[in-house]
Amino acid sequence: MKQLHRPTRLAPGARVAVVAPSGPVPEERLRAGLDVLRGWGLDPVAAPHVLDRHGQFGYLAGTDADRAEDLQRAWCDPAVDAVLCARGGYGAQRMAELLDWEAMRAAGPKVFVGFSDITALHEAFATRLGLVTLHGPMAAGIDFIGSERARDHLHATLFTPERVQRITTDGKPLVPGRARGATLGGCLSLLAAELGTPHARPSAKGGLLCLEDVGEETYRLDRYLTQLLRAGWLDGVRGVLLGSWQDCDPYDSLRPMLADRLAPLGVPVLEGAGFGHCAGALTIPFGMAAELDADAGTLTLQEPALR
């Protein structure tokens, strides 16, 4: 798995665009998130349709065309240094085909941050733009607004990435060992849903796969993992990091299934790695060469995530 291009780190005064590629965004949470970004010395700009709601499908932040236009316009604006997603939900897959990927590639690399439903865009940015992206808290997310730890780790990743080149988690080894590879992953259900689409990578071969999810029953998570296994998508994976399983079944009942599906891969697996839908979520750069030490609970990037 090849290393992707690293965007440039942010500095005070950098302009960041906040977009809503997926679900509708609560206005009060957006205001709070923009205030945090201003407090960091950034110049945040909300995209024109960020507060829209689809007239027929209330789970979408406006029409597919408008959500795609906001993202593409922000990305192609030379005055914008970073694009931050406002929240997840659902909808990124619906608008991915509407983006002009050639124009976005021509605009050059910049920082992109999001998680959950944004997993579909992490995959697309990797395959279509060859770009390192950040799996981290979103601008209008409760985890961003309400968690100092999550904000601090994202801030360090954006401004002084060498400080968090070694990511220390509270995790424990589900399967012990060390492995090297390129980071990738995101929300398990989205990775399964991406199979066979134009923007998904063909496999996780050579990768350190980060997995998490929210609000799923154990049998459904089993089905997603089994689908990835049957499709051969996990063939050649070097290691696995398991993040949060917020609002899923109790972890004591979920853990045996994860072990059953993942241990036969014969690679290190770190559980409880503290990223995803959880308080204090860590920011994990995707597309970076790194070493996983499941016994120590660490992920060490070969170089800082941003230049």
C-alpha atoms as a PDB file:
ATOM      1  CA  MET A   1       0.000   0.000   0.000  1.00  0.00           C
ATOM      2  CA  LYS A   2       1.640   3.210  -1.144  1.00  0.00           C
ATOM      3  CA  GLN A   3       2.140   6.255   1.061  1.00  0.00           C
ATOM      4  CA  LEU A   4      -0.134   9.165   0.185  1.00  0.00           C
ATOM      5  CA  HIS A   5       0.674  12.870  -0.159  1.00  0.00           C
ATOM      6  CA  ARG A   6       0.747  14.901   3.056  1.00  0.00           C
ATOM      7  CA  PRO A   7      -1.014  18.275   3.164  1.00  0.00           C
ATOM      8  CA  THR A   8       0.582  21.316   4.776  1.00  0.00           C
ATOM      9  CA  ARG A   9      -0.011  21.932   8.481  1.00  0.00           C
ATOM     10  CA  LEU A  10      -2.119  24.873   9.567  1.00  0.00           C
ATOM     11  CA  ALA A  11      -0.918  28.142  11.056  1.00  0.00           C
ATOM     12  CA  PRO A  12      -2.780  30.972  12.808  1.00  0.00           C
ATOM     13  CA  GLY A  13      -4.875  32.875  10.293  1.00  0.00           C
ATOM     14  CA  ALA A  14      -5.475  29.855   8.067  1.00  0.00           C
ATOM     15  CA  ARG A  15      -8.904  29.765   6.460  1.00  0.00           C
ATOM     16  CA  VAL A  16     -10.903  26.606   7.080  1.00  0.00           C
ATOM     17  CA  ALA A  17     -14.194  25.781   5.370  1.00  0.00           C
ATOM     18  CA  VAL A  18     -16.847  23.840   7.271  1.00  0.00           C
ATOM     19  CA  VAL A  19     -19.063  21.657   5.073  1.00  0.00           C
ATOM     20  CA  ALA A  20     -21.921  19.202   5.661  1.00  0.00           C
ATOM     21  CA  PRO A  21     -21.570  16.245   3.240  1.00  0.00           C
ATOM     22  CA  SER A  22     -23.962  14.032   5.185  1.00  0.00           C
ATOM     23  CA  GLY A  23     -26.640  14.709   7.805  1.00  0.00           C
ATOM     24  CA  PRO A  24     -28.276  17.949   8.962  1.00  0.00           C
ATOM     25  CA  VAL A  25     -26.310  20.167  11.324  1.00  0.00           C
ATOM     26  CA  PRO A  26     -27.774  21.754  14.503  1.00  0.00           C
ATOM     27  CA  GLU A  27     -27.167  25.502  14.241  1.00  0.00           C
ATOM     28  CA  GLU A  28     -26.210  25.972  17.901  1.00  0.00           C
ATOM     29  CA  ARG A  29     -23.553  23.253  17.677  1.00  0.00           C
ATOM     30  CA  LEU A  30     -22.165  24.758  14.494  1.00  0.00           C
ATOM     31  CA  ARG A  31     -21.874  28.156  16.205  1.00  0.00           C
ATOM     32  CA  ALA A  32     -20.073  26.567  19.153  1.00  0.00           C
ATOM     33  CA  GLY A  33     -17.675  24.729  16.879  1.00  0.00           C
ATOM     34  CA  LEU A  34     -16.883  27.833  14.844  1.00  0.00           C
ATOM     35  CA  ASP A  35     -16.130  29.664  18.099  1.00  0.00           C
ATOM     36  CA  VAL A  36     -13.621  26.961  19.045  1.00  0.00           C
ATOM     37  CA  LEU A  37     -11.915  27.288  15.676  1.00  0.00           C
ATOM     38  CA  ARG A  38     -11.729  31.065  16.031  1.00  0.00           C
ATOM     39  CA  GLY A  39     -10.201  30.539  19.453  1.00  0.00           C
ATOM     40  CA  TRP A  40      -7.441  28.572  17.736  1.00  0.00           C
ATOM     41  CA  GLY A  41      -6.649  31.647  15.624  1.00  0.00           C
ATOM     42  CA  LEU A  42      -8.232  30.180  12.496  1.00  0.00           C
ATOM     43  CA  ASP A  43     -10.592  31.908  10.062  1.00  0.00           C
ATOM     44  CA  PRO A  44     -13.544  29.486   9.788  1.00  0.00           C
ATOM     45  CA  VAL A  45     -16.098  29.925   7.007  1.00  0.00           C
ATOM     46  CA  ALA A  46     -19.359  27.972   6.951  1.00  0.00           C
ATOM     47  CA  ALA A  47     -20.286  26.704   3.482  1.00  0.00           C
ATOM     48  CA  PRO A  48     -23.476  28.194   1.976  1.00  0.00           C
ATOM     49  CA  HIS A  49     -25.577  25.027   2.443  1.00  0.00           C
ATOM     50  CA  VAL A  50     -24.137  23.801   5.728  1.00  0.00           C
ATOM     51  CA  LEU A  51     -27.407  24.386   7.619  1.00  0.00           C
ATOM     52  CA  ASP A  52     -29.722  23.145   4.868  1.00  0.00           C
ATOM     53  CA  ARG A  53     -32.203  20.315   5.365  1.00  0.00           C
ATOM     54  CA  HIS A  54     -33.490  18.193   2.525  1.00  0.00           C
ATOM     55  CA  GLY A  55     -37.134  18.899   1.800  1.00  0.00           C
ATOM     56  CA  GLN A  56     -38.094  15.224   1.502  1.00  0.00           C
ATOM     57  CA  PHE A  57     -35.394  13.251   3.324  1.00  0.00           C
ATOM     58  CA  GLY A  58     -34.840  14.765   6.734  1.00  0.00           C
ATOM     59  CA  TYR A  59     -31.696  12.733   7.324  1.00  0.00           C
ATOM     60  CA  LEU A  60     -29.804  14.736   4.663  1.00  0.00           C
ATOM     61  CA  ALA A  61     -28.233  18.185   4.975  1.00  0.00           C
ATOM     62  CA  GLY A  62     -29.801  19.561   1.815  1.00  0.00           C
ATOM     63  CA  THR A  63     -29.743  18.124  -1.680  1.00  0.00           C
ATOM     64  CA  ASP A  64     -26.974  15.891  -2.957  1.00  0.00           C
ATOM     65  CA  ALA A  65     -26.013  18.524  -5.536  1.00  0.00           C
ATOM     66  CA  ASP A  66     -25.766  21.319  -2.966  1.00  0.00           C
ATOM     67  CA  ARG A  67     -23.719  19.242  -0.534  1.00  0.00           C
ATOM     68  CA  ALA A  68     -21.338  18.252  -3.327  1.00  0.00           C
ATOM     69  CA  GLU A  69     -21.101  21.838  -4.555  1.00  0.00           C
ATOM     70  CA  ASP A  70     -20.159  23.081  -1.083  1.00  0.00           C
ATOM     71  CA  LEU A  71     -17.372  20.532  -0.741  1.00  0.00           C
ATOM     72  CA  GLN A  72     -15.987  21.016  -4.223  1.00  0.00           C
ATOM     73  CA  ARG A  73     -16.120  24.814  -4.067  1.00  0.00           C
ATOM     74  CA  ALA A  74     -14.345  24.852  -0.715  1.00  0.00           C
ATOM     75  CA  TRP A  75     -11.706  22.403  -1.901  1.00  0.00           C
ATOM     76  CA  CYS A  76     -11.021  24.293  -5.118  1.00  0.00           C
ATOM     77  CA  ASP A  77     -10.869  27.710  -3.418  1.00  0.00           C
ATOM     78  CA  PRO A  78      -7.159  28.641  -3.228  1.00  0.00           C
ATOM     79  CA  ALA A  79      -7.863  30.774  -0.143  1.00  0.00           C
ATOM     80  CA  VAL A  80      -9.033  27.716   1.831  1.00  0.00           C
ATOM     81  CA  ASP A  81      -6.333  25.740   3.656  1.00  0.00           C
ATOM     82  CA  ALA A  82      -8.491  23.017   5.197  1.00  0.00           C
ATOM     83  CA  VAL A  83     -11.951  21.500   4.855  1.00  0.00           C
ATOM     84  CA  LEU A  84     -13.602  20.291   8.054  1.00  0.00           C
ATOM     85  CA  CYS A  85     -16.805  18.290   8.052  1.00  0.00           C
ATOM     86  CA  ALA A  86     -19.526  19.538  10.385  1.00  0.00           C
ATOM     87  CA  ARG A  87     -20.922  16.104  11.283  1.00  0.00           C
ATOM     88  CA  GLY A  88     -21.578  12.606   9.948  1.00  0.00           C
ATOM     89  CA  GLY A  89     -24.930  10.853   9.799  1.00  0.00           C
ATOM     90  CA  TYR A  90     -25.641   9.662   6.278  1.00  0.00           C
ATOM     91  CA  GLY A  91     -25.314  11.068   2.790  1.00  0.00           C
ATOM     92  CA  ALA A  92     -21.651  11.204   1.749  1.00  0.00           C
ATOM     93  CA  GLN A  93     -22.050   8.224  -0.574  1.00  0.00           C
ATOM     94  CA  ARG A  94     -24.977   9.886  -2.344  1.00  0.00           C
ATOM     95  CA  MET A  95     -22.903  12.894  -3.393  1.00  0.00           C
ATOM     96  CA  ALA A  96     -19.489  11.310  -4.037  1.00  0.00           C
ATOM     97  CA  GLU A  97     -20.217  10.702  -7.727  1.00  0.00           C
ATOM     98  CA  LEU A  98     -21.209  14.372  -8.184  1.00  0.00           C
ATOM     99  CA  LEU A  99     -17.756  15.688  -7.281  1.00  0.00           C
ATOM    100  CA  ASP A 100     -15.354  16.719 -10.046  1.00  0.00           C
ATOM    101  CA  TRP A 101     -12.359  14.720  -8.858  1.00  0.00           C
ATOM    102  CA  GLU A 102     -10.111  16.003 -11.642  1.00  0.00           C
ATOM    103  CA  ALA A 103     -10.735  19.591 -10.579  1.00  0.00           C
ATOM    104  CA  MET A 104     -10.185  18.705  -6.940  1.00  0.00           C
ATOM    105  CA  ARG A 105      -6.916  16.964  -7.766  1.00  0.00           C
ATOM    106  CA  ALA A 106      -5.782  20.016  -9.711  1.00  0.00           C
ATOM    107  CA  ALA A 107      -6.520  22.205  -6.686  1.00  0.00           C
ATOM    108  CA  GLY A 108      -3.716  20.458  -4.813  1.00  0.00           C
ATOM    109  CA  PRO A 109      -3.536  18.906  -1.349  1.00  0.00           C
ATOM    110  CA  LYS A 110      -5.117  20.438   1.725  1.00  0.00           C
ATOM    111  CA  VAL A 111      -6.274  19.200   5.103  1.00  0.00           C
ATOM    112  CA  PHE A 112      -9.499  17.187   5.297  1.00  0.00           C
ATOM    113  CA  VAL A 113     -11.058  16.160   8.631  1.00  0.00           C
ATOM    114  CA  GLY A 114     -14.070  13.996   9.507  1.00  0.00           C
ATOM    115  CA  PHE A 115     -15.188  10.528  10.575  1.00  0.00           C
ATOM    116  CA  SER A 116     -18.243   8.241  10.753  1.00  0.00           C
ATOM    117  CA  ASP A 117     -20.170   8.611   7.457  1.00  0.00           C
ATOM    118  CA  ILE A 118     -17.172  10.572   6.170  1.00  0.00           C
ATOM    119  CA  THR A 119     -15.392   7.212   5.893  1.00  0.00           C
ATOM    120  CA  ALA A 120     -16.706   7.077   2.316  1.00  0.00           C
ATOM    121  CA  LEU A 121     -14.869  10.318   1.559  1.00  0.00           C
ATOM    122  CA  HIS A 122     -11.661   9.185   3.282  1.00  0.00           C
ATOM    123  CA  GLU A 123     -11.668   6.259   0.861  1.00  0.00           C
ATOM    124  CA  ALA A 124     -12.340   8.517  -2.120  1.00  0.00           C
ATOM    125  CA  PHE A 125      -9.686  11.065  -1.135  1.00  0.00           C
ATOM    126  CA  ALA A 126      -7.165   8.231  -0.885  1.00  0.00           C
ATOM    127  CA  THR A 127      -8.029   6.558  -4.188  1.00  0.00           C
ATOM    128  CA  ARG A 128      -8.886   9.624  -6.298  1.00  0.00           C
ATOM    129  CA  LEU A 129      -6.604  12.298  -4.808  1.00  0.00           C
ATOM    130  CA  GLY A 130      -3.826  10.185  -3.269  1.00  0.00           C
ATOM    131  CA  LEU A 131      -4.106  12.273  -0.127  1.00  0.00           C
ATOM    132  CA  VAL A 132      -3.525  11.769   3.597  1.00  0.00           C
ATOM    133  CA  THR A 133      -6.690  12.661   5.539  1.00  0.00           C
ATOM    134  CA  LEU A 134      -7.515  12.978   9.229  1.00  0.00           C
ATOM    135  CA  HIS A 135     -10.042  10.706  10.948  1.00  0.00           C
ATOM    136  CA  GLY A 136     -10.969  13.079  13.725  1.00  0.00           C
ATOM    137  CA  PRO A 137     -13.622  15.148  15.520  1.00  0.00           C
ATOM    138  CA  MET A 138     -15.958  17.261  13.409  1.00  0.00           C
ATOM    139  CA  ALA A 139     -16.657  20.958  13.815  1.00  0.00           C
ATOM    140  CA  ALA A 140     -20.268  20.647  14.998  1.00  0.00           C
ATOM    141  CA  GLY A 141     -19.844  17.334  16.781  1.00  0.00           C
ATOM    142  CA  ILE A 142     -20.612  16.893  20.466  1.00  0.00           C
ATOM    143  CA  ASP A 143     -17.265  15.119  20.827  1.00  0.00           C
ATOM    144  CA  PHE A 144     -15.459  18.202  19.479  1.00  0.00           C
ATOM    145  CA  ILE A 145     -17.420  20.823  21.376  1.00  0.00           C
ATOM    146  CA  GLY A 146     -17.564  18.972  24.673  1.00  0.00           C
ATOM    147  CA  SER A 147     -14.201  17.204  24.938  1.00  0.00           C
ATOM    148  CA  GLU A 148     -11.015  19.074  25.697  1.00  0.00           C
ATOM    149  CA  ARG A 149      -8.935  15.962  25.040  1.00  0.00           C
ATOM    150  CA  ALA A 150     -10.410  15.500  21.556  1.00  0.00           C
ATOM    151  CA  ARG A 151      -9.898  19.185  20.732  1.00  0.00           C
ATOM    152  CA  ASP A 152      -6.315  19.195  22.022  1.00  0.00           C
ATOM    153  CA  HIS A 153      -5.300  16.130  20.025  1.00  0.00           C
ATOM    154  CA  LEU A 154      -6.844  17.488  16.829  1.00  0.00           C
ATOM    155  CA  HIS A 155      -5.235  20.893  17.468  1.00  0.00           C
ATOM    156  CA  ALA A 156      -1.816  19.287  17.870  1.00  0.00           C
ATOM    157  CA  THR A 157      -2.309  17.223  14.708  1.00  0.00           C
ATOM    158  CA  LEU A 158      -3.236  20.326  12.723  1.00  0.00           C
ATOM    159  CA  PHE A 159      -0.620  22.765  14.048  1.00  0.00           C
ATOM    160  CA  THR A 160       2.291  20.758  15.531  1.00  0.00           C
ATOM    161  CA  PRO A 161       1.920  17.221  14.156  1.00  0.00           C
ATOM    162  CA  GLU A 162       5.373  16.114  15.283  1.00  0.00           C
ATOM    163  CA  ARG A 163       4.063  16.317  18.875  1.00  0.00           C
ATOM    164  CA  VAL A 164       1.558  13.534  18.160  1.00  0.00           C
ATOM    165  CA  GLN A 165       3.643  11.462  15.770  1.00  0.00           C
ATOM    166  CA  ARG A 166       3.485   8.752  18.427  1.00  0.00           C
ATOM    167  CA  ILE A 167      -0.172   8.184  19.329  1.00  0.00           C
ATOM    168  CA  THR A 168      -0.476   6.629  22.773  1.00  0.00           C
ATOM    169  CA  THR A 169      -3.815   4.986  23.508  1.00  0.00           C
ATOM    170  CA  ASP A 170      -5.377   3.318  26.534  1.00  0.00           C
ATOM    171  CA  GLY A 171      -5.841   0.180  24.454  1.00  0.00           C
ATOM    172  CA  LYS A 172      -4.887  -3.405  25.197  1.00  0.00           C
ATOM    173  CA  PRO A 173      -3.840  -6.240  22.876  1.00  0.00           C
ATOM    174  CA  LEU A 174      -6.655  -8.450  21.665  1.00  0.00           C
ATOM    175  CA  VAL A 175      -3.912 -10.163  19.689  1.00  0.00           C
ATOM    176  CA  PRO A 176      -0.362  -9.180  20.744  1.00  0.00           C
ATOM    177  CA  GLY A 177       2.453  -8.152  18.470  1.00  0.00           C
ATOM    178  CA  ARG A 178       3.906  -5.400  16.303  1.00  0.00           C
ATOM    179  CA  ALA A 179       3.235  -4.589  12.679  1.00  0.00           C
ATOM    180  CA  ARG A 180       4.096  -1.950  10.118  1.00  0.00           C
ATOM    181  CA  GLY A 181       1.858  -0.690   7.349  1.00  0.00           C
ATOM    182  CA  ALA A 182      -0.152   2.262   6.081  1.00  0.00           C
ATOM    183  CA  THR A 183      -3.099   3.497   8.132  1.00  0.00           C
ATOM    184  CA  LEU A 184      -6.622   3.322   6.727  1.00  0.00           C
ATOM    185  CA  GLY A 185     -10.165   2.522   7.763  1.00  0.00           C
ATOM    186  CA  GLY A 186     -12.999   4.228   9.598  1.00  0.00           C
ATOM    187  CA  CYS A 187     -16.560   3.181  10.272  1.00  0.00           C
ATOM    188  CA  LEU A 188     -16.923  -0.585   9.750  1.00  0.00           C
ATOM    189  CA  SER A 189     -20.426  -0.427   8.266  1.00  0.00           C
ATOM    190  CA  LEU A 190     -19.288   2.184   5.724  1.00  0.00           C
ATOM    191  CA  LEU A 191     -16.247   0.167   4.685  1.00  0.00           C
ATOM    192  CA  ALA A 192     -18.525  -2.807   4.032  1.00  0.00           C
ATOM    193  CA  ALA A 193     -20.980  -0.603   2.129  1.00  0.00           C
ATOM    194  CA  GLU A 194     -18.154   0.796  -0.020  1.00  0.00           C
ATOM    195  CA  LEU A 195     -17.190  -2.603  -1.443  1.00  0.00           C
ATOM    196  CA  GLY A 196     -17.441  -2.540  -5.215  1.00  0.00           C
ATOM    197  CA  THR A 197     -17.889   1.220  -5.529  1.00  0.00           C
ATOM    198  CA  PRO A 198     -15.679   3.362  -7.802  1.00  0.00           C
ATOM    199  CA  HIS A 199     -13.980   5.190  -4.923  1.00  0.00           C
ATOM    200  CA  ALA A 200     -13.130   2.271  -2.622  1.00  0.00           C
ATOM    201  CA  ARG A 201      -9.642   0.778  -2.524  1.00  0.00           C
ATOM    202  CA  PRO A 202      -9.518  -2.844  -3.698  1.00  0.00           C
ATOM    203  CA  SER A 203      -8.258  -4.205  -0.374  1.00  0.00           C
ATOM    204  CA  ALA A 204      -6.606  -3.406   2.947  1.00  0.00           C
ATOM    205  CA  LYS A 205      -3.461  -5.311   1.917  1.00  0.00           C
ATOM    206  CA  GLY A 206      -0.378  -3.837   3.548  1.00  0.00           C
ATOM    207  CA  GLY A 207      -2.461  -1.693   5.865  1.00  0.00           C
ATOM    208  CA  LEU A 208      -3.013  -1.013   9.530  1.00  0.00           C
ATOM    209  CA  LEU A 209      -6.797  -1.086   9.562  1.00  0.00           C
ATOM    210  CA  CYS A 210      -8.668   1.173  12.009  1.00  0.00           C
ATOM    211  CA  LEU A 211     -12.232   0.054  12.758  1.00  0.00           C
ATOM    212  CA  GLU A 212     -15.065   1.498  14.855  1.00  0.00           C
ATOM    213  CA  ASP A 213     -18.825   1.928  14.637  1.00  0.00           C
ATOM    214  CA  VAL A 214     -21.870   3.282  16.430  1.00  0.00           C
ATOM    215  CA  GLY A 215     -25.358   2.007  17.235  1.00  0.00           C
ATOM    216  CA  GLU A 216     -24.946  -1.476  15.738  1.00  0.00           C
ATOM    217  CA  GLU A 217     -25.962  -4.862  17.140  1.00  0.00           C
ATOM    218  CA  THR A 218     -23.296  -7.543  17.363  1.00  0.00           C
ATOM    219  CA  TYR A 219     -24.758  -9.691  14.589  1.00  0.00           C
ATOM    220  CA  ARG A 220     -24.674  -6.740  12.197  1.00  0.00           C
ATOM    221  CA  LEU A 221     -21.037  -5.990  13.014  1.00  0.00           C
ATOM    222  CA  ASP A 222     -20.346  -9.697  12.506  1.00  0.00           C
ATOM    223  CA  ARG A 223     -22.012  -9.454   9.101  1.00  0.00           C
ATOM    224  CA  TYR A 224     -19.910  -6.439   8.053  1.00  0.00           C
ATOM    225  CA  LEU A 225     -16.670  -8.144   9.081  1.00  0.00           C
ATOM    226  CA  THR A 226     -17.722 -11.386   7.434  1.00  0.00           C
ATOM    227  CA  GLN A 227     -18.530  -9.519   4.231  1.00  0.00           C
ATOM    228  CA  LEU A 228     -15.057  -7.951   4.194  1.00  0.00           C
ATOM    229  CA  LEU A 229     -13.492 -11.342   4.898  1.00  0.00           C
ATOM    230  CA  ARG A 230     -15.478 -13.160   2.207  1.00  0.00           C
ATOM    231  CA  ALA A 231     -14.674 -10.460  -0.337  1.00  0.00           C
ATOM    232  CA  GLY A 232     -10.959 -10.912   0.354  1.00  0.00           C
ATOM    233  CA  TRP A 233     -10.717  -7.279   1.379  1.00  0.00           C
ATOM    234  CA  LEU A 234      -8.808  -8.152   4.566  1.00  0.00           C
ATOM    235  CA  ASP A 235      -6.288 -10.409   2.812  1.00  0.00           C
ATOM    236  CA  GLY A 236      -2.789  -9.145   3.536  1.00  0.00           C
ATOM    237  CA  VAL A 237      -3.764  -6.635   6.232  1.00  0.00           C
ATOM    238  CA  ARG A 238      -0.803  -6.085   8.588  1.00  0.00           C
ATOM    239  CA  GLY A 239      -2.608  -5.110  11.802  1.00  0.00           C
ATOM    240  CA  VAL A 240      -5.925  -3.895  13.206  1.00  0.00           C
ATOM    241  CA  LEU A 241      -6.809  -1.100  15.626  1.00  0.00           C
ATOM    242  CA  LEU A 242     -10.247  -1.192  17.221  1.00  0.00           C
ATOM    243  CA  GLY A 243     -11.743   2.111  18.347  1.00  0.00           C
ATOM    244  CA  SER A 244     -15.065   2.812  20.029  1.00  0.00           C
ATOM    245  CA  TRP A 245     -18.329   0.885  19.727  1.00  0.00           C
ATOM    246  CA  GLN A 246     -20.628   3.552  21.126  1.00  0.00           C
ATOM    247  CA  ASP A 247     -24.278   2.495  21.548  1.00  0.00           C
ATOM    248  CA  CYS A 248     -23.484  -1.003  20.308  1.00  0.00           C
ATOM    249  CA  ASP A 249     -24.025  -4.073  22.481  1.00  0.00           C
ATOM    250  CA  PRO A 250     -21.972  -4.185  25.717  1.00  0.00           C
ATOM    251  CA  TYR A 251     -18.331  -4.688  24.852  1.00  0.00           C
ATOM    252  CA  ASP A 252     -18.087  -7.881  26.909  1.00  0.00           C
ATOM    253  CA  SER A 253     -20.542  -9.473  24.471  1.00  0.00           C
ATOM    254  CA  LEU A 254     -19.044  -7.814  21.403  1.00  0.00           C
ATOM    255  CA  ARG A 255     -15.426  -8.727  22.147  1.00  0.00           C
ATOM    256  CA  PRO A 256     -15.737 -12.512  21.511  1.00  0.00           C
ATOM    257  CA  MET A 257     -17.147 -11.849  18.039  1.00  0.00           C
ATOM    258  CA  LEU A 258     -14.315  -9.440  17.198  1.00  0.00           C
ATOM    259  CA  ALA A 259     -11.794 -12.028  18.363  1.00  0.00           C
ATOM    260  CA  ASP A 260     -13.527 -14.780  16.381  1.00  0.00           C
ATOM    261  CA  ARG A 261     -13.478 -12.766  13.158  1.00  0.00           C
ATOM    262  CA  LEU A 262     -10.091 -11.031  13.491  1.00  0.00           C
ATOM    263  CA  ALA A 263      -7.737 -13.334  15.399  1.00  0.00           C
ATOM    264  CA  PRO A 264      -7.542 -15.868  12.516  1.00  0.00           C
ATOM    265  CA  LEU A 265      -5.941 -13.137  10.396  1.00  0.00           C
ATOM    266  CA  GLY A 266      -2.772 -13.798  12.419  1.00  0.00           C
ATOM    267  CA  VAL A 267      -1.912 -10.123  12.847  1.00  0.00           C
ATOM    268  CA  PRO A 268      -1.691  -7.845  15.913  1.00  0.00           C
ATOM    269  CA  VAL A 269      -5.035  -6.413  17.038  1.00  0.00           C
ATOM    270  CA  LEU A 270      -5.269  -3.498  19.472  1.00  0.00           C
ATOM    271  CA  GLU A 271      -8.627  -2.968  21.203  1.00  0.00           C
ATOM    272  CA  GLY A 272      -9.877   0.126  23.004  1.00  0.00           C
ATOM    273  CA  ALA A 273      -7.695   2.456  20.940  1.00  0.00           C
ATOM    274  CA  GLY A 274      -9.837   5.506  21.722  1.00  0.00           C
ATOM    275  CA  PHE A 275     -10.851   6.842  18.315  1.00  0.00           C
ATOM    276  CA  GLY A 276     -14.290   7.162  16.748  1.00  0.00           C
ATOM    277  CA  HIS A 277     -17.633   7.824  18.435  1.00  0.00           C
ATOM    278  CA  CYS A 278     -16.336   8.374  21.954  1.00  0.00           C
ATOM    279  CA  ALA A 279     -15.480  11.113  24.390  1.00  0.00           C
ATOM    280  CA  GLY A 280     -11.905  12.289  24.005  1.00  0.00           C
ATOM    281  CA  ALA A 281     -11.545  10.700  20.581  1.00  0.00           C
ATOM    282  CA  LEU A 282      -8.020  10.676  19.176  1.00  0.00           C
ATOM    283  CA  THR A 283      -7.290  11.938  15.671  1.00  0.00           C
ATOM    284  CA  ILE A 284      -5.855   9.190  13.446  1.00  0.00           C
ATOM    285  CA  PRO A 285      -4.187  10.207  10.166  1.00  0.00           C
ATOM    286  CA  PHE A 286      -5.064   7.893   7.278  1.00  0.00           C
ATOM    287  CA  GLY A 287      -2.556   7.110   4.547  1.00  0.00           C
ATOM    288  CA  MET A 288       0.538   7.260   6.779  1.00  0.00           C
ATOM    289  CA  ALA A 289       3.265   4.648   7.124  1.00  0.00           C
ATOM    290  CA  ALA A 290       3.241   3.641  10.778  1.00  0.00           C
ATOM    291  CA  GLU A 291       4.073   0.963  13.326  1.00  0.00           C
ATOM    292  CA  LEU A 292       1.438  -0.591  15.571  1.00  0.00           C
ATOM    293  CA  ASP A 293       2.585  -1.981  18.915  1.00  0.00           C
ATOM    294  CA  ALA A 294      -0.474  -3.746  20.296  1.00  0.00           C
ATOM    295  CA  ASP A 295       1.283  -4.635  23.561  1.00  0.00           C
ATOM    296  CA  ALA A 296       2.279  -1.023  24.272  1.00  0.00           C
ATOM    297  CA  GLY A 297      -0.971   0.399  22.888  1.00  0.00           C
ATOM    298  CA  THR A 298       0.819   2.759  20.510  1.00  0.00           C
ATOM    299  CA  LEU A 299       0.657   3.806  16.878  1.00  0.00           C
ATOM    300  CA  THR A 300       3.859   5.526  15.734  1.00  0.00           C
ATOM    301  CA  LEU A 301       3.789   7.416  12.450  1.00  0.00           C
ATOM    302  CA  GLN A 302       6.931   7.257  10.316  1.00  0.00           C
ATOM    303  CA  GLU A 303       6.751  11.048   9.907  1.00  0.00           C
ATOM    304  CA  PRO A 304       4.379  13.816  10.995  1.00  0.00           C
ATOM    305  CA  ALA A 305       0.959  13.600   9.336  1.00  0.00           C
ATOM    306  CA  LEU A 306       1.191  17.125   7.930  1.00  0.00           C
ATOM    307  CA  ARG A 307       4.213  18.804   6.372  1.00  0.00           C
END
